Amino acid sequence: LQEIDIAFFSSVYKEIDNRIQYMKEVRRSLKPDGRVAGIEFYKDRGPVGPEFGDRLYETQIIDEMEKAGFVLIQRFDFLPKGYFLLFGIKDILT
């Protein structure tokens, strides 16, 4: 199954049911050096984007991804209203 180089999620992570289990399935599909990239709106910045109640803190996503077997590789700060997180497979990188 390990055929995917990168899985990219943009403003949809909050919509996924059973996120930890879902991301475990994504992990099974990734190549050993595969990555997961995600962009989400900041929980507390500006009116542009989804309603504040639908936004997630970065720490929540990082925690859930760690529980799914990932480790945060890099965080990018170039988006004014959102954050961009890059994860790798924990067993491979640690």
N, C-alpha and C. Protein backbone atom coordinates (compact mmCIF):
# COMPACT_ATOMS: atom_id res chain seq x y z
N LEU A 1 0.79 -1.21 0.00
CA LEU A 1 0.00 0.00 0.00
C LEU A 1 0.83 1.27 0.00
N GLN A 2 2.05 1.24 0.48
CA GLN A 2 2.83 2.45 0.67
C GLN A 2 3.22 3.08 -0.66
N GLU A 3 2.32 3.88 -1.19
CA GLU A 3 2.53 4.46 -2.51
C GLU A 3 2.49 5.98 -2.54
N ILE A 4 2.08 6.60 -1.46
CA ILE A 4 1.88 8.05 -1.46
C ILE A 4 3.11 8.76 -0.92
N ASP A 5 3.56 9.79 -1.65
CA ASP A 5 4.69 10.61 -1.20
C ASP A 5 4.24 11.66 -0.20
N ILE A 6 3.10 12.29 -0.49
CA ILE A 6 2.60 13.35 0.39
C ILE A 6 1.07 13.38 0.35
N ALA A 7 0.50 13.58 1.53
CA ALA A 7 -0.94 13.81 1.65
C ALA A 7 -1.09 15.27 2.08
N PHE A 8 -1.92 16.01 1.37
CA PHE A 8 -2.08 17.43 1.63
C PHE A 8 -3.53 17.74 1.99
N PHE A 9 -3.71 18.40 3.12
CA PHE A 9 -5.03 18.79 3.60
C PHE A 9 -5.06 20.30 3.75
N SER A 10 -6.04 20.94 3.14
CA SER A 10 -6.15 22.39 3.23
C SER A 10 -7.55 22.76 3.73
N SER A 11 -7.61 23.23 4.95
CA SER A 11 -8.85 23.70 5.59
C SER A 11 -9.92 22.62 5.64
N VAL A 12 -9.52 21.37 5.76
CA VAL A 12 -10.49 20.28 5.85
C VAL A 12 -10.27 19.37 7.05
N TYR A 13 -9.18 19.51 7.74
CA TYR A 13 -8.87 18.60 8.84
C TYR A 13 -10.01 18.56 9.85
N LYS A 14 -10.59 19.71 10.13
CA LYS A 14 -11.69 19.80 11.10
C LYS A 14 -12.91 19.01 10.67
N GLU A 15 -13.04 18.73 9.38
CA GLU A 15 -14.20 18.03 8.83
C GLU A 15 -14.08 16.50 8.93
N ILE A 16 -12.91 16.00 9.25
CA ILE A 16 -12.66 14.56 9.27
C ILE A 16 -13.21 13.95 10.56
N ASP A 17 -14.04 12.93 10.42
CA ASP A 17 -14.53 12.19 11.58
C ASP A 17 -13.45 11.22 12.04
N ASN A 18 -13.38 10.97 13.33
CA ASN A 18 -12.40 10.02 13.89
C ASN A 18 -11.01 10.31 13.33
N ARG A 19 -10.55 11.53 13.54
CA ARG A 19 -9.32 12.01 12.89
C ARG A 19 -8.09 11.15 13.19
N ILE A 20 -7.92 10.71 14.41
CA ILE A 20 -6.73 9.93 14.73
C ILE A 20 -6.73 8.63 13.93
N GLN A 21 -7.85 7.92 13.93
CA GLN A 21 -7.93 6.69 13.16
C GLN A 21 -7.76 6.95 11.66
N TYR A 22 -8.36 8.02 11.18
CA TYR A 22 -8.24 8.39 9.76
C TYR A 22 -6.78 8.62 9.39
N MET A 23 -6.07 9.36 10.24
CA MET A 23 -4.68 9.67 9.94
C MET A 23 -3.79 8.42 10.07
N LYS A 24 -4.18 7.47 10.90
CA LYS A 24 -3.45 6.19 10.94
C LYS A 24 -3.58 5.48 9.59
N GLU A 25 -4.75 5.58 8.98
CA GLU A 25 -4.95 4.98 7.65
C GLU A 25 -4.12 5.72 6.60
N VAL A 26 -4.06 7.03 6.70
CA VAL A 26 -3.22 7.81 5.80
C VAL A 26 -1.77 7.37 5.96
N ARG A 27 -1.35 7.18 7.20
CA ARG A 27 0.03 6.76 7.48
C ARG A 27 0.36 5.43 6.80
N ARG A 28 -0.58 4.50 6.82
CA ARG A 28 -0.36 3.20 6.18
C ARG A 28 -0.17 3.32 4.67
N SER A 29 -0.70 4.38 4.10
CA SER A 29 -0.61 4.59 2.65
C SER A 29 0.65 5.34 2.22
N LEU A 30 1.33 5.96 3.18
CA LEU A 30 2.52 6.75 2.86
C LEU A 30 3.75 5.87 2.67
N LYS A 31 4.61 6.30 1.78
CA LYS A 31 5.94 5.70 1.68
C LYS A 31 6.68 5.97 2.99
N PRO A 32 7.72 5.20 3.31
CA PRO A 32 8.42 5.41 4.58
C PRO A 32 8.91 6.85 4.80
N ASP A 33 9.27 7.54 3.73
CA ASP A 33 9.71 8.93 3.86
C ASP A 33 8.60 9.92 3.48
N GLY A 34 7.36 9.43 3.46
CA GLY A 34 6.22 10.27 3.09
C GLY A 34 5.92 11.34 4.12
N ARG A 35 5.17 12.31 3.69
CA ARG A 35 4.84 13.46 4.54
C ARG A 35 3.33 13.74 4.50
N VAL A 36 2.87 14.41 5.54
CA VAL A 36 1.52 14.96 5.58
C VAL A 36 1.66 16.45 5.79
N ALA A 37 1.05 17.22 4.93
CA ALA A 37 1.07 18.68 5.03
C ALA A 37 -0.35 19.17 5.25
N GLY A 38 -0.50 20.15 6.10
CA GLY A 38 -1.82 20.67 6.37
C GLY A 38 -1.83 22.17 6.59
N ILE A 39 -2.82 22.81 6.04
CA ILE A 39 -3.04 24.24 6.24
C ILE A 39 -4.40 24.41 6.89
N GLU A 40 -4.44 25.17 7.96
CA GLU A 40 -5.69 25.47 8.65
C GLU A 40 -5.69 26.94 9.08
N PHE A 41 -6.87 27.47 9.32
CA PHE A 41 -7.00 28.85 9.80
C PHE A 41 -6.67 28.91 11.28
N TYR A 42 -5.99 30.00 11.69
CA TYR A 42 -5.75 30.22 13.10
C TYR A 42 -7.08 30.27 13.84
N LYS A 43 -7.09 29.77 15.04
CA LYS A 43 -8.30 29.74 15.85
C LYS A 43 -8.75 31.15 16.24
N ASP A 44 -7.81 32.06 16.38
CA ASP A 44 -8.12 33.36 16.96
C ASP A 44 -7.71 34.56 16.11
N ARG A 45 -7.67 34.39 14.78
CA ARG A 45 -7.25 35.53 13.94
C ARG A 45 -8.28 35.85 12.87
N GLY A 46 -8.79 37.03 12.93
CA GLY A 46 -9.59 37.62 11.88
C GLY A 46 -10.85 36.89 11.45
N PRO A 47 -11.74 37.62 10.80
CA PRO A 47 -13.04 37.07 10.39
C PRO A 47 -13.00 36.25 9.10
N VAL A 48 -11.91 36.30 8.35
CA VAL A 48 -11.83 35.56 7.10
C VAL A 48 -11.64 34.08 7.41
N GLY A 49 -12.42 33.23 6.75
CA GLY A 49 -12.30 31.79 6.94
C GLY A 49 -13.53 31.23 7.64
N PRO A 50 -13.41 30.00 8.09
CA PRO A 50 -14.56 29.37 8.76
C PRO A 50 -14.88 30.07 10.08
N GLU A 51 -16.05 29.79 10.61
CA GLU A 51 -16.43 30.37 11.90
C GLU A 51 -15.43 29.93 12.96
N PHE A 52 -15.25 30.77 13.96
CA PHE A 52 -14.24 30.50 14.99
C PHE A 52 -14.47 29.15 15.67
N GLY A 53 -15.71 28.75 15.86
CA GLY A 53 -16.01 27.47 16.49
C GLY A 53 -15.59 26.27 15.66
N ASP A 54 -15.38 26.47 14.38
CA ASP A 54 -14.98 25.38 13.48
C ASP A 54 -13.46 25.31 13.29
N ARG A 55 -12.74 26.21 13.90
CA ARG A 55 -11.28 26.24 13.75
C ARG A 55 -10.62 25.44 14.87
N LEU A 56 -9.42 24.95 14.61
CA LEU A 56 -8.68 24.15 15.58
C LEU A 56 -7.36 24.83 15.93
N TYR A 57 -6.97 24.71 17.19
CA TYR A 57 -5.65 25.18 17.58
C TYR A 57 -4.59 24.26 16.99
N GLU A 58 -3.45 24.84 16.67
CA GLU A 58 -2.33 24.05 16.16
C GLU A 58 -1.97 22.92 17.11
N THR A 59 -1.98 23.21 18.40
CA THR A 59 -1.60 22.21 19.39
C THR A 59 -2.52 20.98 19.35
N GLN A 60 -3.79 21.19 19.05
CA GLN A 60 -4.72 20.06 18.96
C GLN A 60 -4.37 19.17 17.77
N ILE A 61 -4.08 19.79 16.64
CA ILE A 61 -3.72 19.02 15.45
C ILE A 61 -2.41 18.28 15.68
N ILE A 62 -1.42 18.95 16.25
CA ILE A 62 -0.13 18.31 16.51
C ILE A 62 -0.32 17.12 17.44
N ASP A 63 -1.10 17.29 18.49
CA ASP A 63 -1.35 16.21 19.45
C ASP A 63 -2.03 15.02 18.77
N GLU A 64 -3.04 15.29 17.97
CA GLU A 64 -3.75 14.21 17.28
C GLU A 64 -2.84 13.51 16.27
N MET A 65 -2.04 14.26 15.57
CA MET A 65 -1.13 13.66 14.60
C MET A 65 -0.08 12.79 15.30
N GLU A 66 0.40 13.23 16.45
CA GLU A 66 1.35 12.41 17.21
C GLU A 66 0.70 11.10 17.65
N LYS A 67 -0.56 11.16 18.07
CA LYS A 67 -1.28 9.95 18.46
C LYS A 67 -1.50 9.01 17.28
N ALA A 68 -1.50 9.57 16.08
CA ALA A 68 -1.66 8.76 14.86
C ALA A 68 -0.32 8.24 14.34
N GLY A 69 0.79 8.58 15.01
CA GLY A 69 2.09 8.06 14.62
C GLY A 69 2.95 9.00 13.79
N PHE A 70 2.68 10.30 13.89
CA PHE A 70 3.45 11.29 13.14
C PHE A 70 4.24 12.17 14.08
N VAL A 71 5.21 12.86 13.52
CA VAL A 71 5.98 13.84 14.27
C VAL A 71 6.04 15.13 13.43
N LEU A 72 5.92 16.27 14.11
CA LEU A 72 6.00 17.55 13.42
C LEU A 72 7.43 17.78 12.94
N ILE A 73 7.57 18.03 11.65
CA ILE A 73 8.89 18.28 11.07
C ILE A 73 9.15 19.77 10.97
N GLN A 74 8.13 20.50 10.52
CA GLN A 74 8.33 21.93 10.30
C GLN A 74 6.99 22.65 10.38
N ARG A 75 7.07 23.88 10.84
CA ARG A 75 5.92 24.77 10.90
C ARG A 75 6.28 26.02 10.12
N PHE A 76 5.42 26.39 9.19
CA PHE A 76 5.66 27.57 8.35
C PHE A 76 4.77 28.71 8.81
N ASP A 77 5.34 29.93 8.78
CA ASP A 77 4.63 31.12 9.27
C ASP A 77 4.35 32.16 8.17
N PHE A 78 4.32 31.76 6.93
CA PHE A 78 4.18 32.75 5.86
C PHE A 78 2.73 33.11 5.54
N LEU A 79 1.76 32.41 6.11
CA LEU A 79 0.35 32.70 5.84
C LEU A 79 -0.18 33.67 6.90
N PRO A 80 -0.82 34.77 6.50
CA PRO A 80 -1.29 35.75 7.48
C PRO A 80 -2.46 35.27 8.34
N LYS A 81 -3.31 34.38 7.81
CA LYS A 81 -4.49 33.95 8.54
C LYS A 81 -4.53 32.45 8.84
N GLY A 82 -3.45 31.78 8.48
CA GLY A 82 -3.43 30.34 8.70
C GLY A 82 -2.05 29.82 9.04
N TYR A 83 -2.02 28.58 9.44
CA TYR A 83 -0.76 27.92 9.74
C TYR A 83 -0.59 26.71 8.85
N PHE A 84 0.66 26.37 8.59
CA PHE A 84 1.03 25.30 7.67
C PHE A 84 1.96 24.36 8.44
N LEU A 85 1.52 23.13 8.63
CA LEU A 85 2.27 22.14 9.39
C LEU A 85 2.70 21.00 8.49
N LEU A 86 3.92 20.51 8.70
CA LEU A 86 4.46 19.40 7.92
C LEU A 86 4.87 18.28 8.88
N PHE A 87 4.35 17.09 8.64
CA PHE A 87 4.59 15.93 9.49
C PHE A 87 5.27 14.81 8.71
N GLY A 88 6.05 14.01 9.45
CA GLY A 88 6.65 12.79 8.91
C GLY A 88 6.24 11.62 9.79
N ILE A 89 6.55 10.43 9.34
CA ILE A 89 6.21 9.23 10.11
C ILE A 89 7.15 9.11 11.30
N LYS A 90 6.58 8.98 12.47
CA LYS A 90 7.34 9.01 13.71
C LYS A 90 8.42 7.93 13.77
N ASP A 91 8.09 6.70 13.47
CA ASP A 91 9.05 5.59 13.58
C ASP A 91 10.27 5.80 12.69
N ILE A 92 10.09 6.46 11.57
CA ILE A 92 11.16 6.67 10.61
C ILE A 92 12.09 7.80 11.09
N LEU A 93 11.53 8.82 11.70
CA LEU A 93 12.29 10.02 12.03
C LEU A 93 12.85 10.04 13.45
N THR A 94 12.44 9.10 14.28
CA THR A 94 12.93 9.13 15.67
C THR A 94 13.82 7.94 15.97
